[in-house]
Each structure stands twice: as structure tokens, then as C-alpha cells.
Amino acid sequence: MATQYEISGTTAKGITRSVEQGVSEGVLAPGAALPPVRRLAEELGVSPGTVATAYKELRRRGIVVTLGRGGTVVAEAPSVASRRPPKVPEGLRDLAGGHPDPALLPALVPPSRLSPGVRSHRSAPRLTRLEDAVRDWIGADGVPVQHVTFAHGALDFIGRVLSAELRPGDAVAMEDPGYHHLLDLVAALGLRAVPVPVDGEGMRPEELRAALRAGVRAVVLSPRAQNPYGGAFSAARRDALAHVLRETPDVLVLENDHASDVSAAPLRSLTGAGPARWAHVRTVSKFLGTDLRWAAAACDPVTLARHDGRLLLTSGWVSHLLQETVHGLLTDPGTGALVARARAEYALRRTAFTEALAGHGIAAHGASGLNLWVPVRDESAVVNGLRSRGWWVAAGARFRLASAPGVRITTTDLQPPEAVRLASDFAAVLGESEATYGG
């Protein structure tokens, strides 16, 4: 534990509040060890049971984790201090954000008609014409669309569904490496992430079967553009995963198709092939605009009811102004042409960098999507080495649970000539790293 912070409190609630304050202020950093139960009890003059109760509550809320003989430590992504990416230093080429190329996004023009007066939309939360457009959009890929709903983004939908379905301490099968905000969200909900390795075709079936047998109650996975590894389901992989999931029909399957229209891979969805409890969610931020905090989901009727029930009690509905804007873009032929161009450009840029790395004998993963995942021995050495050459990439630690080290590089606005230079710099940095480690 950091010596400059002393935990206080004479009740379990007081001790919990003190630890939470230290974490939220950054004084108790991720990985910081808390005192053993008996020692802290002696220091505070309370019973060991009082401290144990406080630690249990902190674990339930995802603020700390217990590592057996390693004791109790602050979680890597504590729910009171979200794990934000480091600020990009001035003068560096930013390839760490996972964002689309602004030049390939449409102009956002708010609708000219505003909602008349002050009134609630709880009785009719979704615009019928946008529902129809969503059914056409998602249904064209073979996803059942009898039941659709909207949310304030994919993470908003997934978080609301998981909180309605599960209880703190329940286990969720997660891709490894996986999307860091999803990993943080699961921890913040007090749920336990069970890592399932991925490859170029997505989540691996036998490892998923092992997670299901260990008692996970939900699975969150990406059918294409998997972030950060870039995998996309093949037909064979989709069928194998569906076969595994049919063995546990009560498990909720959440399919996150976050890059959908610009992923450059066909959708091979699990939704019609296996699970009884499921949802397929899509956001538009990667191809219509990062400020459009809107997502559409198709799901089974039970999941729909539980999500919408929670939505009704919180924000009530997604802004109709936002829905009007999304509808205008989704149905505009000019925007459709721009999205098609973005899809082709992203594939070209990703492939160009993959081939440039291969020319130096460097393997990279990224069959689809906006990023490449490059395995490395020492993430810090590579990130810092590239920084010294003017590049800013994302260290893989934020994306990993149990998988091997790597770095994630966003290729959406990496032009082919730049890719050649970056690959050369990457090779030089790896050479320096290997020299440090002796090969």
C-alpha cells in the first residue's frame, strides 16, 4: 500500500469509503496492495470481521481483487477510476486511438425539425421509420429482426443487459485480447471476466467450451473486426461456436458488431444458429461519426424486455433528435457511397501495413477492422522506441487478460507510404529490443 495514504474508518462502510476515496484520487493505484485483514483491524481498532466485510464489498464492486497468497490489491481497472488511455504527446503521429479517418465520415447535420413542446417519449421511444431502416440494415445480414431496440451506444446496451441479467460475482466469457472498455465495464459491474483466447477467426471453440463448463453465465464476442486482434468468423468457426453454445442454452450471448459496415468482412452471425438467449448490437460511431452515441440491437424477446425496462427507468429513451440524424444518414445514398469508400480504404491501408511488416519478417494480425495487433516481447520497449521515432501506438496491456504481449496500431488514416516507413521503424525498434534481451 502507498505509504502516503492511510485507510481509515471504524465500520465496514467507513473502511470501504476510505479505500474507494484513495482509489478515485489516484493515491491507491492499480496493483497497490491493501494491508492484511488482521493487521488493518489492529491499526483501526476494529474486529477482523469488520475489515473482511469491507474487503468483500470492495471486491463485489470491482474496486479490488484478491490474489490468494498475493493478498488483496486494487484492481487493474477499478470501477471508480476508469482506465483511460495515456494522453498523446505533442508532435507524435497518433495511431493508438482506434478511431475512423475524419475525412471518411459524413458531415453531421442535425434535423431541422425539433420535437414540439416539452413532452415525454416514453410511450413511443423509437421512431418507426428508424426501426424499419434498422430491420432492413441488420436483417440483410441474416440476423433475426423481429425484436429491435436502441441504446446510447454498444457499451451502454451491453452494460444495461449484463446488469439486468447477472449479479456481482457472476462470470462472463470475454475475448482475450479484447476491447479494453468492455473489460473495464465487466469489472465495474462487479462481474468476473473469464478469458477466452482468440485467433484470426475469432473466439476459439474449445476454450469457450471450457469457460462454459466453468460456469460462465454470459458470453461477449465479436463476429468481425474483433478489437484488437482483427479476427472475423469464418463459416466453419461460426458453426463450431454455435455447436458449443447449444450445449448451454441458458447462457446469454452478446454479439458486438461494432464496426459493421466498414469491417471489410461478411457477417456470419451466431444469432440464428445456436443460442436461445442472444443479442446482436451495432453502433454507428465508426462510420457515421464518433459523436453519434447511438446503437441498434436485435435480440430475443426476453432480452429486449429486460433492456427496455431498465432504459425506461433511467434515460427513458434515446433522443429523437439523434434518431432523426441517424435515420437521415442511414438512408442517404451519398452517405452509403462514402461508407463503401471508407470500407475499401480501410482494407487497403490495413493490408498495406500488414505487407510492409511482413517484408521485415514481422507477423501481424488483422483480417478485418480498423487495427492491427502485433505480438512483441516487451510492450514498453516497443511503445517507447516508436515514440522516439515520432509514432504513438497502444500498449497491449490494456487489452489483455491472460494472452501474450502485443501492441495495437490503428491503420484507418495510415497512408501506404507512411506504412512503409512505420514498418521500417518497427523493425529497427524490435532489433534494439532483441539486442537488449540477447536475442
Protein backbone atom coordinates (compact mmCIF):
# COMPACT_ATOMS: atom_id res chain seq x y z
CA MET A 1 0.00 0.00 0.00
CA ALA A 2 1.20 3.52 -0.73
CA THR A 3 2.69 4.94 2.48
CA GLN A 4 1.20 8.38 1.88
CA TYR A 5 -2.35 7.08 2.23
CA GLU A 6 -3.78 5.66 5.44
CA ILE A 7 -7.04 3.76 5.34
CA SER A 8 -9.48 4.99 7.96
CA GLY A 9 -12.89 4.03 9.32
CA THR A 10 -14.45 2.28 12.29
CA THR A 11 -17.20 0.47 10.36
CA ALA A 12 -17.21 -1.66 7.23
CA LYS A 13 -18.89 1.17 5.32
CA GLY A 14 -16.33 3.67 6.57
CA ILE A 15 -13.39 1.47 5.58
CA THR A 16 -14.95 0.83 2.17
CA ARG A 17 -15.48 4.55 1.63
CA SER A 18 -11.88 5.32 2.63
CA VAL A 19 -10.40 2.81 0.19
CA GLU A 20 -12.70 3.99 -2.58
CA GLN A 21 -11.61 7.58 -1.98
CA GLY A 22 -7.95 6.61 -2.19
CA VAL A 23 -8.54 4.79 -5.47
CA SER A 24 -10.63 7.57 -7.02
CA GLU A 25 -7.98 10.16 -6.09
CA GLY A 26 -5.26 8.02 -7.64
CA VAL A 27 -3.33 7.63 -4.38
CA LEU A 28 -4.07 3.90 -4.35
CA ALA A 29 -3.00 2.94 -7.86
CA PRO A 30 -3.92 -0.26 -9.73
CA GLY A 31 -1.98 -3.13 -8.22
CA ALA A 32 -1.42 -1.36 -4.87
CA ALA A 33 -1.65 -3.86 -2.01
CA LEU A 34 -4.06 -3.36 0.86
CA PRO A 35 -2.99 -4.42 4.38
CA PRO A 36 -3.87 -7.95 5.51
CA VAL A 37 -7.23 -8.13 7.27
CA ARG A 38 -5.88 -8.71 10.79
CA ARG A 39 -3.20 -6.04 10.52
CA LEU A 40 -5.64 -3.37 9.34
CA ALA A 41 -8.11 -4.42 12.03
CA GLU A 42 -5.43 -3.86 14.70
CA GLU A 43 -4.46 -0.49 13.24
CA LEU A 44 -8.07 0.73 13.16
CA GLY A 45 -9.13 -0.88 16.44
CA VAL A 46 -11.94 -2.89 14.86
CA SER A 47 -12.67 -6.59 14.55
CA PRO A 48 -11.18 -8.61 11.68
CA GLY A 49 -14.76 -9.37 10.61
CA THR A 50 -15.40 -5.66 10.03
CA VAL A 51 -12.39 -5.36 7.72
CA ALA A 52 -13.27 -8.63 5.97
CA THR A 53 -16.78 -7.30 5.29
CA ALA A 54 -15.32 -4.09 3.82
CA TYR A 55 -12.94 -6.03 1.59
CA LYS A 56 -15.79 -8.26 0.42
CA GLU A 57 -17.83 -5.22 -0.58
CA LEU A 58 -14.85 -3.70 -2.40
CA ARG A 59 -14.39 -6.97 -4.32
CA ARG A 60 -18.08 -7.12 -5.18
CA ARG A 61 -17.92 -3.64 -6.67
CA GLY A 62 -14.81 -4.35 -8.74
CA ILE A 63 -12.54 -1.96 -6.83
CA VAL A 64 -10.14 -4.62 -5.50
CA VAL A 65 -9.28 -8.22 -6.30
CA THR A 66 -7.89 -11.00 -4.12
CA LEU A 67 -4.83 -12.85 -5.42
CA GLY A 68 -4.67 -15.73 -2.94
CA ARG A 69 -1.28 -15.57 -1.24
CA GLY A 70 -0.72 -12.30 -3.10
CA GLY A 71 -3.28 -10.64 -0.83
CA THR A 72 -5.86 -8.02 -1.76
CA VAL A 73 -4.86 -5.39 -4.31
CA VAL A 74 -6.51 -2.54 -6.20
CA ALA A 75 -7.97 -3.84 -9.47
CA GLU A 76 -6.20 -3.06 -12.73
CA ALA A 77 -9.35 -1.26 -13.88
CA PRO A 78 -11.13 -0.22 -10.67
CA SER A 79 -14.75 0.76 -11.18
CA VAL A 80 -14.23 4.16 -9.55
CA ALA A 81 -11.26 5.14 -11.72
CA SER A 82 -11.75 4.21 -15.37
CA ARG A 83 -8.60 3.12 -17.18
CA ARG A 84 -8.19 5.93 -19.68
CA PRO A 85 -5.56 5.82 -22.43
CA PRO A 86 -2.45 7.93 -21.93
CA LYS A 87 -2.53 11.41 -23.42
CA VAL A 88 -0.86 11.59 -26.82
CA PRO A 89 2.38 13.59 -26.53
CA GLU A 90 2.67 16.62 -28.77
CA GLY A 91 4.24 16.13 -32.17
CA LEU A 92 3.60 12.38 -32.44
CA ARG A 93 1.63 10.59 -35.15
CA ASP A 94 -1.32 9.13 -33.23
CA LEU A 95 -2.06 5.52 -34.21
CA ALA A 96 -3.39 4.43 -30.83
CA GLY A 97 -6.98 5.65 -30.67
CA GLY A 98 -8.94 3.15 -32.75
CA HIS A 99 -10.83 5.99 -34.41
CA PRO A 100 -12.03 6.30 -38.02
CA ASP A 101 -10.45 8.68 -40.51
CA PRO A 102 -12.33 12.02 -40.19
CA ALA A 103 -12.01 12.51 -43.94
CA LEU A 104 -14.19 9.43 -44.49
CA LEU A 105 -17.04 10.49 -42.19
CA PRO A 106 -20.17 12.29 -43.38
CA ALA A 107 -20.99 15.81 -42.27
CA LEU A 108 -23.32 15.70 -39.28
CA VAL A 109 -26.31 17.96 -39.90
CA PRO A 110 -28.93 17.98 -37.12
CA PRO A 111 -32.53 17.67 -38.24
CA SER A 112 -34.33 20.93 -38.95
CA ARG A 113 -37.48 19.82 -37.11
CA LEU A 114 -37.28 19.85 -33.33
CA SER A 115 -39.62 17.96 -31.02
CA PRO A 116 -42.56 20.32 -30.38
CA GLY A 117 -43.05 21.40 -26.78
CA VAL A 118 -41.92 19.64 -23.66
CA ARG A 119 -43.14 16.07 -23.57
CA SER A 120 -42.05 12.54 -22.73
CA HIS A 121 -41.33 9.96 -25.42
CA ARG A 122 -41.55 7.02 -23.01
CA SER A 123 -44.74 5.76 -24.63
CA ALA A 124 -43.12 5.76 -28.10
CA PRO A 125 -39.33 5.70 -27.54
CA ARG A 126 -38.33 4.65 -31.06
CA LEU A 127 -39.05 6.34 -34.38
CA THR A 128 -40.95 3.86 -36.53
CA ARG A 129 -39.08 4.84 -39.70
CA LEU A 130 -35.73 4.26 -37.97
CA GLU A 131 -36.93 0.88 -36.68
CA ASP A 132 -37.81 -0.04 -40.26
CA ALA A 133 -34.40 1.12 -41.51
CA VAL A 134 -32.67 -0.88 -38.77
CA ARG A 135 -34.59 -4.03 -39.69
CA ASP A 136 -33.51 -3.60 -43.31
CA TRP A 137 -29.90 -2.88 -42.27
CA ILE A 138 -29.36 -5.70 -39.78
CA GLY A 139 -31.78 -8.17 -41.34
CA ALA A 140 -29.90 -8.04 -44.66
CA ASP A 141 -27.09 -9.96 -42.92
CA GLY A 142 -29.35 -12.75 -41.74
CA VAL A 143 -29.89 -11.59 -38.16
CA PRO A 144 -33.46 -12.18 -36.89
CA VAL A 145 -35.07 -8.73 -36.52
CA GLN A 146 -38.48 -9.39 -35.03
CA HIS A 147 -37.39 -7.55 -31.87
CA VAL A 148 -35.18 -4.44 -32.13
CA THR A 149 -34.32 -1.65 -29.73
CA PHE A 150 -31.99 1.35 -29.42
CA ALA A 151 -29.37 2.41 -26.88
CA HIS A 152 -26.80 5.15 -26.28
CA GLY A 153 -24.01 3.11 -27.87
CA ALA A 154 -22.94 -0.53 -27.81
CA LEU A 155 -21.31 -0.33 -24.37
CA ASP A 156 -24.47 1.26 -22.97
CA PHE A 157 -26.56 -1.61 -24.32
CA ILE A 158 -24.19 -4.34 -23.14
CA GLY A 159 -23.80 -2.80 -19.69
CA ARG A 160 -27.55 -2.45 -19.24
CA VAL A 161 -28.24 -6.03 -20.36
CA LEU A 162 -25.50 -7.53 -18.19
CA SER A 163 -26.65 -5.60 -15.13
CA ALA A 164 -30.23 -6.80 -15.70
CA GLU A 165 -29.22 -10.43 -16.28
CA LEU A 166 -26.35 -11.07 -13.88
CA ARG A 167 -25.34 -10.41 -10.30
CA PRO A 168 -21.97 -9.31 -8.89
CA GLY A 169 -19.59 -12.23 -8.84
CA ASP A 170 -21.11 -13.95 -11.90
CA ALA A 171 -18.68 -14.95 -14.63
CA VAL A 172 -18.63 -13.65 -18.21
CA ALA A 173 -16.61 -15.19 -21.05
CA MET A 174 -14.58 -12.42 -22.70
CA GLU A 175 -12.31 -12.30 -25.74
CA ASP A 176 -8.59 -12.24 -24.91
CA PRO A 177 -7.11 -9.97 -26.09
CA GLY A 178 -10.29 -7.93 -26.12
CA TYR A 179 -11.74 -4.43 -26.20
CA HIS A 180 -10.42 -2.66 -23.11
CA HIS A 181 -13.58 -0.65 -22.42
CA LEU A 182 -15.61 -3.86 -22.36
CA LEU A 183 -13.13 -5.48 -19.98
CA ASP A 184 -13.33 -2.43 -17.72
CA LEU A 185 -17.13 -2.41 -17.91
CA VAL A 186 -17.39 -6.02 -16.77
CA ALA A 187 -15.11 -5.28 -13.82
CA ALA A 188 -17.08 -2.16 -12.94
CA LEU A 189 -20.28 -4.21 -12.80
CA GLY A 190 -18.64 -6.50 -10.25
CA LEU A 191 -18.60 -9.39 -12.71
CA ARG A 192 -15.73 -11.82 -13.21
CA ALA A 193 -14.12 -11.92 -16.67
CA VAL A 194 -13.09 -15.38 -17.86
CA PRO A 195 -10.57 -15.01 -20.71
CA VAL A 196 -11.18 -16.97 -23.92
CA PRO A 197 -8.34 -16.80 -26.47
CA VAL A 198 -9.00 -15.51 -29.98
CA ASP A 199 -7.30 -16.06 -33.32
CA GLY A 200 -7.85 -14.81 -36.85
CA GLU A 201 -11.30 -16.41 -36.93
CA GLY A 202 -12.48 -15.06 -33.58
CA MET A 203 -13.10 -16.77 -30.24
CA ARG A 204 -11.74 -20.33 -30.09
CA PRO A 205 -14.42 -23.02 -29.60
CA GLU A 206 -12.69 -25.45 -27.24
CA GLU A 207 -11.59 -22.68 -24.92
CA LEU A 208 -15.15 -21.31 -24.97
CA ARG A 209 -16.44 -24.77 -24.05
CA ALA A 210 -14.07 -24.83 -21.08
CA ALA A 211 -15.33 -21.42 -19.93
CA LEU A 212 -18.94 -22.57 -20.23
CA ARG A 213 -18.21 -25.69 -18.21
CA ALA A 214 -16.62 -23.47 -15.57
CA GLY A 215 -19.98 -21.74 -15.13
CA VAL A 216 -19.97 -18.50 -17.13
CA ARG A 217 -23.46 -17.02 -17.46
CA ALA A 218 -22.83 -14.77 -20.46
CA VAL A 219 -20.52 -14.55 -23.48
CA VAL A 220 -19.46 -11.30 -25.16
CA LEU A 221 -17.82 -11.70 -28.55
CA SER A 222 -17.25 -10.00 -31.91
CA PRO A 223 -18.22 -11.68 -35.20
CA ARG A 224 -15.84 -9.48 -37.24
CA ALA A 225 -13.38 -6.61 -36.79
CA GLN A 226 -12.51 -8.05 -33.38
CA ASN A 227 -10.76 -5.39 -31.36
CA PRO A 228 -7.76 -5.52 -31.12
CA TYR A 229 -6.89 -8.80 -32.90
CA GLY A 230 -8.96 -8.22 -36.03
CA GLY A 231 -10.47 -11.69 -36.31
CA ALA A 232 -13.67 -12.44 -38.26
CA PHE A 233 -15.83 -15.55 -38.04
CA SER A 234 -15.43 -17.99 -40.91
CA ALA A 235 -18.48 -20.12 -41.66
CA ALA A 236 -16.77 -23.09 -40.03
CA ARG A 237 -15.86 -21.12 -36.90
CA ARG A 238 -19.39 -19.73 -36.61
CA ASP A 239 -20.82 -23.24 -36.83
CA ALA A 240 -18.35 -24.62 -34.28
CA LEU A 241 -19.14 -21.85 -31.79
CA ALA A 242 -22.88 -22.34 -32.33
CA HIS A 243 -22.47 -26.06 -31.60
CA VAL A 244 -20.67 -25.28 -28.35
CA LEU A 245 -23.26 -22.72 -27.28
CA ARG A 246 -26.17 -25.09 -27.92
CA GLU A 247 -24.80 -27.20 -25.05
CA THR A 248 -25.67 -24.39 -22.59
CA PRO A 249 -28.92 -22.79 -23.83
CA ASP A 250 -29.39 -20.61 -20.74
CA VAL A 251 -26.18 -18.64 -21.36
CA LEU A 252 -26.71 -15.15 -22.77
CA VAL A 253 -24.71 -14.46 -25.96
CA LEU A 254 -23.94 -10.82 -26.79
CA GLU A 255 -22.60 -10.24 -30.29
CA ASN A 256 -20.85 -6.88 -30.67
CA ASP A 257 -20.68 -5.90 -34.35
CA HIS A 258 -19.14 -2.50 -33.59
CA ALA A 259 -17.52 -1.82 -36.99
CA SER A 260 -20.24 -3.49 -39.12
CA ASP A 261 -20.30 -1.55 -42.39
CA VAL A 262 -16.57 -0.77 -42.50
CA SER A 263 -15.23 -4.09 -41.20
CA ALA A 264 -14.46 -5.42 -44.73
CA ALA A 265 -15.64 -8.91 -43.76
CA PRO A 266 -19.01 -10.59 -44.24
CA LEU A 267 -21.15 -11.08 -41.15
CA ARG A 268 -21.50 -14.69 -40.07
CA SER A 269 -23.74 -14.25 -37.07
CA LEU A 270 -24.41 -16.71 -34.29
CA THR A 271 -27.84 -15.27 -33.66
CA GLY A 272 -29.79 -17.61 -35.92
CA ALA A 273 -27.53 -20.61 -35.45
CA GLY A 274 -27.40 -21.58 -31.81
CA PRO A 275 -28.21 -19.52 -28.73
CA ALA A 276 -31.67 -19.22 -27.24
CA ARG A 277 -30.73 -16.04 -25.35
CA TRP A 278 -28.92 -13.57 -27.55
CA ALA A 279 -28.46 -10.01 -28.77
CA HIS A 280 -26.69 -8.52 -31.77
CA VAL A 281 -25.70 -4.88 -31.25
CA ARG A 282 -24.33 -2.35 -33.75
CA THR A 283 -23.15 1.19 -33.27
CA VAL A 284 -22.57 3.77 -36.00
CA SER A 285 -19.70 5.70 -34.45
CA LYS A 286 -17.05 4.05 -36.64
CA PHE A 287 -18.60 5.07 -39.94
CA LEU A 288 -21.16 7.85 -39.34
CA GLY A 289 -19.44 9.82 -36.57
CA THR A 290 -17.88 9.30 -33.16
CA ASP A 291 -20.30 11.80 -31.62
CA LEU A 292 -23.34 9.75 -32.62
CA ARG A 293 -23.85 7.90 -29.35
CA TRP A 294 -26.47 5.53 -30.73
CA ALA A 295 -26.70 1.80 -31.23
CA ALA A 296 -29.30 -0.60 -32.55
CA ALA A 297 -29.79 -4.10 -31.22
CA ALA A 298 -31.77 -7.12 -32.36
CA CYS A 299 -32.41 -9.64 -29.61
CA ASP A 300 -34.65 -12.34 -28.22
CA PRO A 301 -37.87 -11.06 -26.61
CA VAL A 302 -36.74 -11.65 -23.00
CA THR A 303 -33.52 -9.70 -23.50
CA LEU A 304 -35.44 -6.92 -25.22
CA ALA A 305 -37.88 -6.62 -22.31
CA ARG A 306 -35.15 -6.56 -19.69
CA HIS A 307 -33.10 -3.96 -21.56
CA ASP A 308 -36.04 -1.71 -22.31
CA GLY A 309 -37.33 -1.99 -18.76
CA ARG A 310 -34.03 -0.66 -17.43
CA LEU A 311 -33.88 2.03 -20.12
CA LEU A 312 -37.38 3.18 -19.21
CA LEU A 313 -36.33 3.69 -15.60
CA THR A 314 -33.14 5.65 -16.46
CA SER A 315 -32.90 7.87 -19.54
CA GLY A 316 -36.29 6.72 -20.76
CA TRP A 317 -35.44 6.86 -24.47
CA VAL A 318 -32.72 7.75 -26.92
CA SER A 319 -33.04 11.36 -28.10
CA HIS A 320 -35.40 11.65 -31.06
CA LEU A 321 -33.11 14.35 -32.48
CA LEU A 322 -30.32 11.79 -32.50
CA GLN A 323 -32.63 9.21 -34.05
CA GLU A 324 -33.64 11.65 -36.79
CA THR A 325 -29.98 12.35 -37.57
CA VAL A 326 -29.09 8.65 -37.73
CA HIS A 327 -32.10 7.87 -39.91
CA GLY A 328 -31.15 10.60 -42.35
CA LEU A 329 -27.62 9.24 -42.68
CA LEU A 330 -28.52 5.55 -42.82
CA THR A 331 -30.96 6.15 -45.67
CA ASP A 332 -28.91 8.70 -47.63
CA PRO A 333 -27.37 7.27 -50.86
CA GLY A 334 -24.46 9.71 -50.73
CA THR A 335 -23.56 8.62 -47.21
CA GLY A 336 -23.83 4.99 -48.30
CA ALA A 337 -21.31 5.64 -51.05
CA LEU A 338 -18.95 7.32 -48.59
CA VAL A 339 -19.21 4.37 -46.19
CA ALA A 340 -18.40 1.98 -49.06
CA ARG A 341 -15.36 4.08 -49.89
CA ALA A 342 -14.25 4.04 -46.25
CA ARG A 343 -14.59 0.26 -46.12
CA ALA A 344 -12.37 -0.14 -49.18
CA GLU A 345 -9.80 2.43 -47.98
CA TYR A 346 -9.51 0.87 -44.51
CA ALA A 347 -8.93 -2.56 -46.02
CA LEU A 348 -6.28 -1.14 -48.37
CA ARG A 349 -4.44 0.68 -45.57
CA ARG A 350 -4.59 -2.27 -43.18
CA THR A 351 -3.31 -4.64 -45.86
CA ALA A 352 -0.54 -2.26 -46.92
CA PHE A 353 0.83 -2.09 -43.39
CA THR A 354 0.49 -5.85 -42.88
CA GLU A 355 2.52 -6.46 -46.02
CA ALA A 356 5.10 -3.83 -45.09
CA LEU A 357 5.63 -5.54 -41.72
CA ALA A 358 5.82 -8.94 -43.40
CA GLY A 359 8.60 -7.59 -45.57
CA HIS A 360 10.64 -7.24 -42.39
CA GLY A 361 9.63 -10.67 -41.11
CA ILE A 362 7.14 -9.27 -38.60
CA ALA A 363 3.84 -11.11 -38.17
CA ALA A 364 0.70 -9.07 -37.55
CA HIS A 365 -2.95 -9.96 -37.03
CA GLY A 366 -5.80 -8.00 -38.57
CA ALA A 367 -8.02 -9.88 -41.00
CA SER A 368 -10.72 -7.21 -40.65
CA GLY A 369 -11.47 -3.96 -38.87
CA LEU A 370 -9.57 -0.80 -38.03
CA ASN A 371 -6.47 -2.07 -36.22
CA LEU A 372 -3.54 -4.44 -36.35
CA TRP A 373 -2.31 -6.48 -33.39
CA VAL A 374 1.45 -7.09 -33.46
CA PRO A 375 2.88 -9.59 -30.93
CA VAL A 376 6.02 -8.29 -29.18
CA ARG A 377 8.17 -9.40 -26.29
CA ASP A 378 8.27 -6.10 -24.41
CA GLU A 379 5.38 -3.69 -24.94
CA SER A 380 7.01 -0.78 -23.16
CA ALA A 381 10.22 -1.07 -25.17
CA VAL A 382 8.31 -1.04 -28.45
CA VAL A 383 5.94 1.80 -27.48
CA ASN A 384 8.82 3.95 -26.24
CA GLY A 385 11.05 3.03 -29.17
CA LEU A 386 8.39 4.05 -31.69
CA ARG A 387 7.71 7.18 -29.69
CA SER A 388 11.30 8.23 -30.15
CA ARG A 389 10.74 7.92 -33.90
CA GLY A 390 7.57 10.01 -33.90
CA TRP A 391 4.87 7.29 -33.63
CA TRP A 392 2.33 6.74 -30.86
CA VAL A 393 0.83 3.23 -30.61
CA ALA A 394 -1.17 1.47 -27.90
CA ALA A 395 0.49 -0.91 -25.48
CA GLY A 396 -1.38 -4.20 -25.37
CA ALA A 397 -1.67 -4.43 -21.58
CA ARG A 398 -4.99 -2.54 -21.65
CA PHE A 399 -6.47 -5.21 -23.92
CA ARG A 400 -5.14 -8.38 -22.30
CA LEU A 401 -6.32 -10.70 -19.54
CA ALA A 402 -4.06 -13.74 -19.92
CA SER A 403 -2.81 -13.50 -23.51
CA ALA A 404 0.73 -12.74 -24.64
CA PRO A 405 2.05 -9.17 -25.04
CA GLY A 406 1.47 -7.11 -28.14
CA VAL A 407 0.76 -3.60 -29.40
CA ARG A 408 -2.31 -2.31 -31.19
CA ILE A 409 -1.88 0.00 -34.16
CA THR A 410 -4.82 1.82 -35.74
CA THR A 411 -4.47 1.91 -39.53
CA THR A 412 -7.55 3.90 -40.57
CA ASP A 413 -5.61 7.00 -41.64
CA LEU A 414 -2.21 5.38 -42.18
CA GLN A 415 -1.40 6.00 -45.82
CA PRO A 416 0.62 3.30 -47.67
CA PRO A 417 3.81 5.41 -47.94
CA GLU A 418 3.66 6.01 -44.18
CA ALA A 419 3.12 2.29 -43.63
CA VAL A 420 6.46 1.53 -45.30
CA ARG A 421 8.28 3.98 -43.01
CA LEU A 422 6.50 2.76 -39.87
CA ALA A 423 7.30 -0.87 -40.69
CA SER A 424 10.98 0.04 -41.08
CA ASP A 425 10.96 1.88 -37.75
CA PHE A 426 9.13 -1.04 -36.12
CA ALA A 427 11.78 -3.48 -37.33
CA ALA A 428 14.54 -1.22 -36.00
CA VAL A 429 12.85 -0.97 -32.60
CA LEU A 430 12.42 -4.76 -32.43
CA GLY A 431 16.08 -5.16 -33.28
CA GLU A 432 17.06 -2.86 -30.42
CA SER A 433 14.74 -4.74 -28.07
CA GLU A 434 16.18 -8.11 -29.05
CA ALA A 435 19.69 -6.78 -28.53
CA THR A 436 18.68 -5.74 -25.02
CA TYR A 437 17.29 -9.19 -24.27
CA GLY A 438 20.08 -11.05 -26.03
CA GLY A 439 18.01 -12.24 -28.98
